[in-house]
Protein backbone atom coordinates (compact mmCIF):
# COMPACT_ATOMS: atom_id res chain seq x y z
CA MET A 1 73.20 48.88 -40.43
CA ALA A 2 70.19 48.13 -42.64
CA GLU A 3 67.01 49.98 -41.83
CA LYS A 4 64.17 48.24 -40.07
CA ILE A 5 61.23 46.99 -42.07
CA TYR A 6 57.81 47.47 -40.51
CA CYS A 7 55.23 44.71 -40.64
CA GLU A 8 51.86 46.03 -41.81
CA ILE A 9 49.65 43.02 -41.08
CA CYS A 10 48.55 43.99 -37.56
CA PRO A 11 48.46 47.20 -35.51
CA ARG A 12 51.67 46.31 -33.68
CA HIS A 13 53.63 47.34 -36.79
CA CYS A 14 56.74 45.55 -35.51
CA GLY A 15 59.92 47.22 -36.76
CA LEU A 16 62.30 44.37 -37.56
CA GLU A 17 65.95 44.33 -38.49
CA ALA A 18 67.22 41.61 -40.84
CA GLY A 19 66.76 38.21 -39.21
CA GLN A 20 64.42 39.45 -36.50
CA THR A 21 61.02 37.87 -35.85
CA GLY A 22 58.00 39.88 -34.77
CA PHE A 23 55.93 39.79 -31.59
CA CYS A 24 53.71 37.07 -33.08
CA LYS A 25 56.67 34.69 -33.60
CA ALA A 26 55.39 34.01 -37.11
CA ARG A 27 56.62 36.93 -39.22
CA LYS A 28 60.29 37.65 -39.96
CA ASN A 29 62.48 40.18 -41.75
CA THR A 30 64.26 37.95 -44.26
CA GLY A 31 66.51 40.75 -45.52
CA ASP A 32 64.37 42.72 -47.91
CA ARG A 33 60.80 42.04 -46.78
CA ILE A 34 58.61 40.62 -44.02
CA GLU A 35 57.62 37.00 -44.60
CA PRO A 36 55.50 34.53 -42.62
CA VAL A 37 57.81 31.80 -41.34
CA ASN A 38 54.74 29.63 -40.69
CA TYR A 39 53.63 29.65 -44.36
CA GLY A 40 52.20 26.21 -45.19
CA ARG A 41 53.37 24.77 -41.87
CA CYS A 42 50.54 22.88 -40.23
CA THR A 43 50.45 22.02 -36.51
CA SER A 44 46.84 20.86 -36.33
CA ALA A 45 44.21 19.54 -38.72
CA SER A 46 40.79 18.03 -38.20
CA LEU A 47 37.47 17.57 -39.97
CA ASP A 48 35.28 19.40 -37.44
CA PRO A 49 31.59 20.08 -37.05
CA ILE A 50 31.00 23.68 -38.11
CA GLU A 51 29.48 24.31 -34.67
CA LYS A 52 32.90 23.73 -33.09
CA LYS A 53 34.39 26.92 -34.64
CA PRO A 54 31.95 28.06 -33.11
CA LEU A 55 29.53 28.96 -35.88
CA ALA A 56 25.93 28.24 -34.95
CA ARG A 57 24.12 29.79 -37.91
CA PHE A 58 26.38 29.01 -40.87
CA TYR A 59 25.39 25.73 -42.56
CA PRO A 60 24.55 23.99 -39.27
CA GLY A 61 25.05 20.24 -39.27
CA SER A 62 27.94 20.46 -41.73
CA ARG A 63 31.64 19.76 -41.34
CA ILE A 64 34.70 21.76 -42.30
CA LEU A 65 38.39 20.93 -42.73
CA SER A 66 40.11 22.91 -39.97
CA VAL A 67 43.82 23.74 -39.96
CA GLY A 68 46.18 25.70 -37.75
CA SER A 69 49.82 26.71 -37.63
CA PHE A 70 51.74 28.57 -34.89
CA GLY A 71 51.98 32.11 -33.58
CA CYS A 72 49.65 34.81 -32.28
CA ASN A 73 49.71 38.59 -31.87
CA LEU A 74 48.02 38.50 -28.47
CA VAL A 75 49.39 37.05 -25.23
CA CYS A 76 46.25 35.98 -23.39
CA PRO A 77 47.39 34.58 -20.03
CA PHE A 78 44.56 32.03 -20.20
CA CYS A 79 45.16 30.87 -23.80
CA GLN A 80 43.47 27.54 -24.47
CA ASN A 81 45.81 26.64 -27.37
CA TYR A 82 49.05 28.06 -25.97
CA GLN A 83 51.13 25.08 -27.15
CA ILE A 84 50.83 26.36 -30.72
CA SER A 85 49.77 30.00 -30.35
CA MET A 86 52.79 30.86 -28.20
CA ALA A 87 55.20 28.69 -30.22
CA GLY A 88 57.67 29.90 -32.84
CA ASP A 89 59.79 28.71 -35.73
CA ASP A 90 61.10 25.70 -33.81
CA MET A 91 57.61 24.21 -33.61
CA ARG A 92 57.27 20.76 -35.15
CA THR A 93 55.04 21.02 -38.23
CA ALA A 94 53.94 19.22 -41.37
CA MET A 95 53.99 20.98 -44.72
CA MET A 96 50.58 21.76 -46.16
CA PRO A 97 50.99 24.11 -49.16
CA PRO A 98 47.89 25.93 -50.38
CA GLU A 99 47.38 23.65 -53.39
CA LEU A 100 47.44 20.53 -51.23
CA LEU A 101 45.05 21.94 -48.61
CA ALA A 102 42.55 23.09 -51.23
CA GLU A 103 42.75 19.70 -52.93
CA LYS A 104 42.19 17.87 -49.62
CA ALA A 105 39.17 20.05 -48.89
CA ALA A 106 37.67 19.20 -52.28
CA GLU A 107 38.47 15.54 -51.81
CA TYR A 108 36.59 15.39 -48.50
CA ALA A 109 33.66 17.28 -49.98
CA ASP A 110 33.38 14.75 -52.80
CA ARG A 111 33.99 11.49 -50.96
CA LEU A 112 32.43 11.75 -47.52
CA PRO A 113 28.73 11.18 -46.93
CA ASP A 114 26.64 14.08 -45.73
CA PRO A 115 26.60 13.98 -41.90
CA GLN A 116 22.82 14.32 -41.67
CA GLY A 117 21.72 14.09 -45.26
CA GLY A 118 19.29 16.34 -47.06
CA ASP A 119 19.65 19.90 -48.27
CA GLY A 120 21.79 22.30 -46.27
CA HIS A 121 24.14 19.74 -44.72
CA TYR A 122 27.53 19.16 -46.30
CA SER A 123 30.27 16.59 -45.82
CA ASN A 124 32.87 19.37 -46.05
CA LEU A 125 32.11 23.03 -46.59
CA GLY A 126 35.71 23.98 -47.30
CA VAL A 127 38.52 25.20 -45.03
CA ALA A 128 38.55 26.84 -41.60
CA PHE A 129 41.72 28.67 -40.60
CA THR A 130 41.79 28.30 -36.83
CA TYR A 131 43.49 26.92 -33.66
CA ASN A 132 46.28 29.51 -33.50
CA GLU A 133 45.75 33.09 -34.76
CA PRO A 134 45.54 32.42 -38.50
CA LEU A 135 45.98 35.99 -39.68
CA VAL A 136 49.60 36.22 -38.52
CA GLY A 137 50.04 33.86 -41.48
CA TYR A 138 48.01 36.21 -43.66
CA GLU A 139 49.59 35.32 -47.00
CA TYR A 140 48.88 31.62 -46.51
CA VAL A 141 45.23 32.28 -45.68
CA ARG A 142 44.89 34.56 -48.72
CA ASP A 143 46.60 32.18 -51.16
CA THR A 144 44.73 29.12 -49.93
CA ALA A 145 41.36 30.86 -49.78
CA LYS A 146 41.62 31.78 -53.46
CA LEU A 147 42.17 28.13 -54.40
CA VAL A 148 39.36 26.95 -52.12
CA HIS A 149 36.93 29.36 -53.81
CA GLU A 150 38.06 28.17 -57.22
CA ARG A 151 36.90 24.70 -56.19
CA GLY A 152 33.46 26.00 -55.24
CA LEU A 153 34.07 25.63 -51.51
CA LEU A 154 33.88 28.06 -48.59
CA ASN A 155 36.42 29.75 -46.31
CA VAL A 156 36.08 30.37 -42.58
CA VAL A 157 38.46 32.34 -40.36
CA VAL A 158 38.46 32.04 -36.56
CA THR A 159 40.38 35.08 -35.37
CA ASN A 160 41.07 37.51 -32.56
CA GLY A 161 40.29 40.31 -35.01
CA LEU A 162 43.56 42.17 -34.44
CA ILE A 163 44.47 42.92 -38.04
CA SER A 164 45.12 46.16 -39.89
CA ARG A 165 42.33 47.54 -42.03
CA GLU A 166 44.02 47.27 -45.44
CA PRO A 167 44.90 43.55 -45.31
CA LEU A 168 41.48 42.79 -43.81
CA SER A 169 39.74 44.61 -46.65
CA GLU A 170 41.84 42.70 -49.19
CA LEU A 171 40.99 39.37 -47.56
CA LEU A 172 37.26 39.78 -46.92
CA PRO A 173 36.08 38.99 -50.49
CA LEU A 174 37.65 35.56 -50.05
CA ILE A 175 36.12 34.81 -46.63
CA ASP A 176 32.57 33.52 -46.25
CA ALA A 177 32.33 33.43 -42.46
CA MET A 178 34.30 34.62 -39.45
CA ASN A 179 34.15 33.94 -35.76
CA ILE A 180 35.80 36.93 -34.10
CA ASP A 181 36.83 37.02 -30.45
CA LEU A 182 35.59 40.07 -28.62
CA LYS A 183 37.50 39.35 -25.46
CA GLY A 184 36.00 42.13 -23.39
CA ILE A 185 34.46 45.54 -23.77
CA HIS A 186 37.00 47.62 -21.82
CA SER A 187 40.40 48.82 -23.02
CA ASP A 188 42.11 47.81 -19.77
CA TYR A 189 41.09 44.19 -20.40
CA TYR A 190 42.67 44.38 -23.85
CA ASP A 191 45.78 45.89 -22.28
CA TRP A 192 46.00 42.67 -20.24
CA VAL A 193 45.54 40.22 -23.11
CA SER A 194 47.66 42.19 -25.58
CA GLY A 195 50.63 42.94 -23.36
CA GLY A 196 49.88 46.64 -23.34
CA LEU A 197 49.08 47.38 -26.99
CA THR A 198 47.21 50.70 -27.06
CA GLY A 199 43.96 50.77 -28.99
CA ALA A 200 43.53 47.03 -29.47
CA LEU A 201 39.87 47.05 -28.44
CA ASP A 202 39.05 49.82 -30.92
CA VAL A 203 40.73 47.88 -33.73
CA VAL A 204 38.83 44.68 -32.96
CA MET A 205 35.47 46.46 -32.69
CA ASP A 206 36.11 48.32 -35.93
CA ASN A 207 37.02 45.08 -37.70
CA ILE A 208 33.84 43.40 -36.49
CA ARG A 209 31.89 46.27 -38.02
CA ILE A 210 33.89 46.17 -41.28
CA ALA A 211 33.44 42.41 -41.71
CA HIS A 212 29.72 42.62 -40.97
CA GLU A 213 29.16 45.52 -43.35
CA ALA A 214 31.12 43.69 -46.06
CA GLY A 215 28.49 40.95 -46.00
CA CYS A 216 30.65 38.30 -44.35
CA HIS A 217 28.76 36.01 -41.97
CA VAL A 218 30.08 37.10 -38.56
CA GLU A 219 29.66 35.43 -35.18
CA ILE A 220 31.27 36.64 -31.96
CA THR A 221 32.81 34.73 -29.05
CA THR A 222 33.50 36.14 -25.60
CA LEU A 223 35.34 33.91 -23.13
CA ILE A 224 34.23 34.84 -19.62
CA VAL A 225 37.10 34.96 -17.11
CA PRO A 226 35.98 35.27 -13.46
CA GLY A 227 36.88 38.60 -11.92
CA LYS A 228 38.04 40.01 -15.26
CA ASN A 229 35.16 40.37 -17.73
CA ASP A 230 32.24 38.65 -16.04
CA SER A 231 30.08 41.58 -14.91
CA LEU A 232 26.47 41.83 -16.03
CA GLU A 233 27.00 45.51 -16.79
CA ASP A 234 29.86 44.77 -19.19
CA MET A 235 27.80 42.17 -21.02
CA SER A 236 24.95 44.61 -21.36
CA VAL A 237 27.29 47.17 -22.96
CA GLU A 238 28.80 44.55 -25.29
CA ALA A 239 25.49 43.10 -26.42
CA GLU A 240 23.94 46.52 -26.96
CA TRP A 241 26.89 47.53 -29.13
CA LEU A 242 26.66 44.36 -31.23
CA ALA A 243 22.93 44.91 -31.61
CA SER A 244 23.66 48.40 -32.96
CA LEU A 245 25.35 46.62 -35.89
CA SER A 246 22.62 44.00 -36.11
CA PRO A 247 20.54 42.15 -33.49
CA ASP A 248 20.99 39.04 -35.67
CA ILE A 249 24.75 38.77 -34.99
CA PRO A 250 25.19 35.52 -33.02
CA LEU A 251 27.10 35.77 -29.73
CA HIS A 252 28.78 32.81 -28.03
CA ILE A 253 29.38 33.36 -24.31
CA SER A 254 31.92 30.74 -23.28
CA ARG A 255 33.07 29.30 -20.00
CA PHE A 256 36.71 29.71 -18.92
CA PHE A 257 38.83 26.89 -17.50
CA PRO A 258 42.24 27.50 -15.84
CA ARG A 259 44.96 27.27 -18.45
CA TYR A 260 48.48 28.38 -19.39
CA ASN A 261 49.63 31.23 -17.11
CA PHE A 262 46.29 31.89 -15.45
CA THR A 263 45.55 28.91 -13.28
CA GLU A 264 44.65 30.68 -10.03
CA ALA A 265 41.08 31.47 -11.09
CA GLU A 266 38.21 29.05 -10.73
CA PRO A 267 36.34 27.91 -13.84
CA THR A 268 33.50 30.21 -14.75
CA SER A 269 30.32 29.02 -13.08
CA VAL A 270 27.62 27.66 -15.37
CA LYS A 271 25.15 29.85 -13.49
CA ARG A 272 27.11 32.97 -14.44
CA ILE A 273 27.24 32.00 -18.10
CA TYR A 274 23.47 31.67 -18.22
CA GLU A 275 23.00 34.96 -16.38
CA LEU A 276 25.18 36.67 -18.97
CA CYS A 277 23.28 34.96 -21.78
CA ASP A 278 20.02 36.30 -20.34
CA ILE A 279 21.46 39.82 -20.34
CA ALA A 280 22.75 39.51 -23.92
CA ALA A 281 19.41 38.11 -25.09
CA ARG A 282 17.77 41.43 -24.22
CA PHE A 283 19.58 42.89 -27.23
CA LEU A 284 20.51 39.97 -29.50
CA ARG A 285 18.34 37.28 -31.08
CA HIS A 286 20.94 34.51 -31.11
CA VAL A 287 22.91 33.94 -27.90
CA TYR A 288 24.68 30.65 -27.14
CA PRO A 289 26.35 29.37 -23.96
CA GLY A 290 29.70 27.67 -24.59
CA ASN A 291 31.73 25.03 -22.74
CA CYS A 292 28.85 24.37 -20.33
């Protein structure tokens, strides 16, 4: 029997025999190496406002060509995009190779009018890798980002931050902005959303620090799930930690709605979101309520 090959992209380090697919449903042992089966396979595409990523302080008023594929290395019971994040190789997709995506991004940048006009607002900044967890398709993000930069455009990654240090360090010079989910500030919460992966919170926090220190524009999103991560004390700890990196890191505190396998909870109250924002604003200069 052939030996397993271990995937090095994320801390799960899935050991896969030939033909096996990893936890994320997007990476497979093809016989002699691990390859992303979602490479160039697009499930979603849209020309979005940059604020929708959400990025509040990165070229506000601009738009960005946003694309997603399938697969994720977390299993959040409340996933908002579960139709693609929890899907695998049988997902219906359209082919969007790196060259085509980079060319489309440049085409939109050249042909569309500025949304608000004037300096600082752009018809299309470049490409945002989003919707599912883009970094389980790491090679596609890397290859496309290089081509996007060659065209003078920008790259954005919207991610859960669960990636190994070496591939993150290789990718960061190609990425201009990231929105990273910090799902909670306790390891038991990450046990819940990761299916029991030990150390996930530490990895995500470390990657937030690495991306920030590398000079990438970083914004953070925390989705507030009632009864799970909605305490004022937890938000105080989270915001104080982010402020230790920089009080200028923007934090988006977003409202939960019942979804996927977690439908028994009520939507997060708007009142609670604003209470949490008030707590975070004691430490951070830029705090934004989401989904309110």
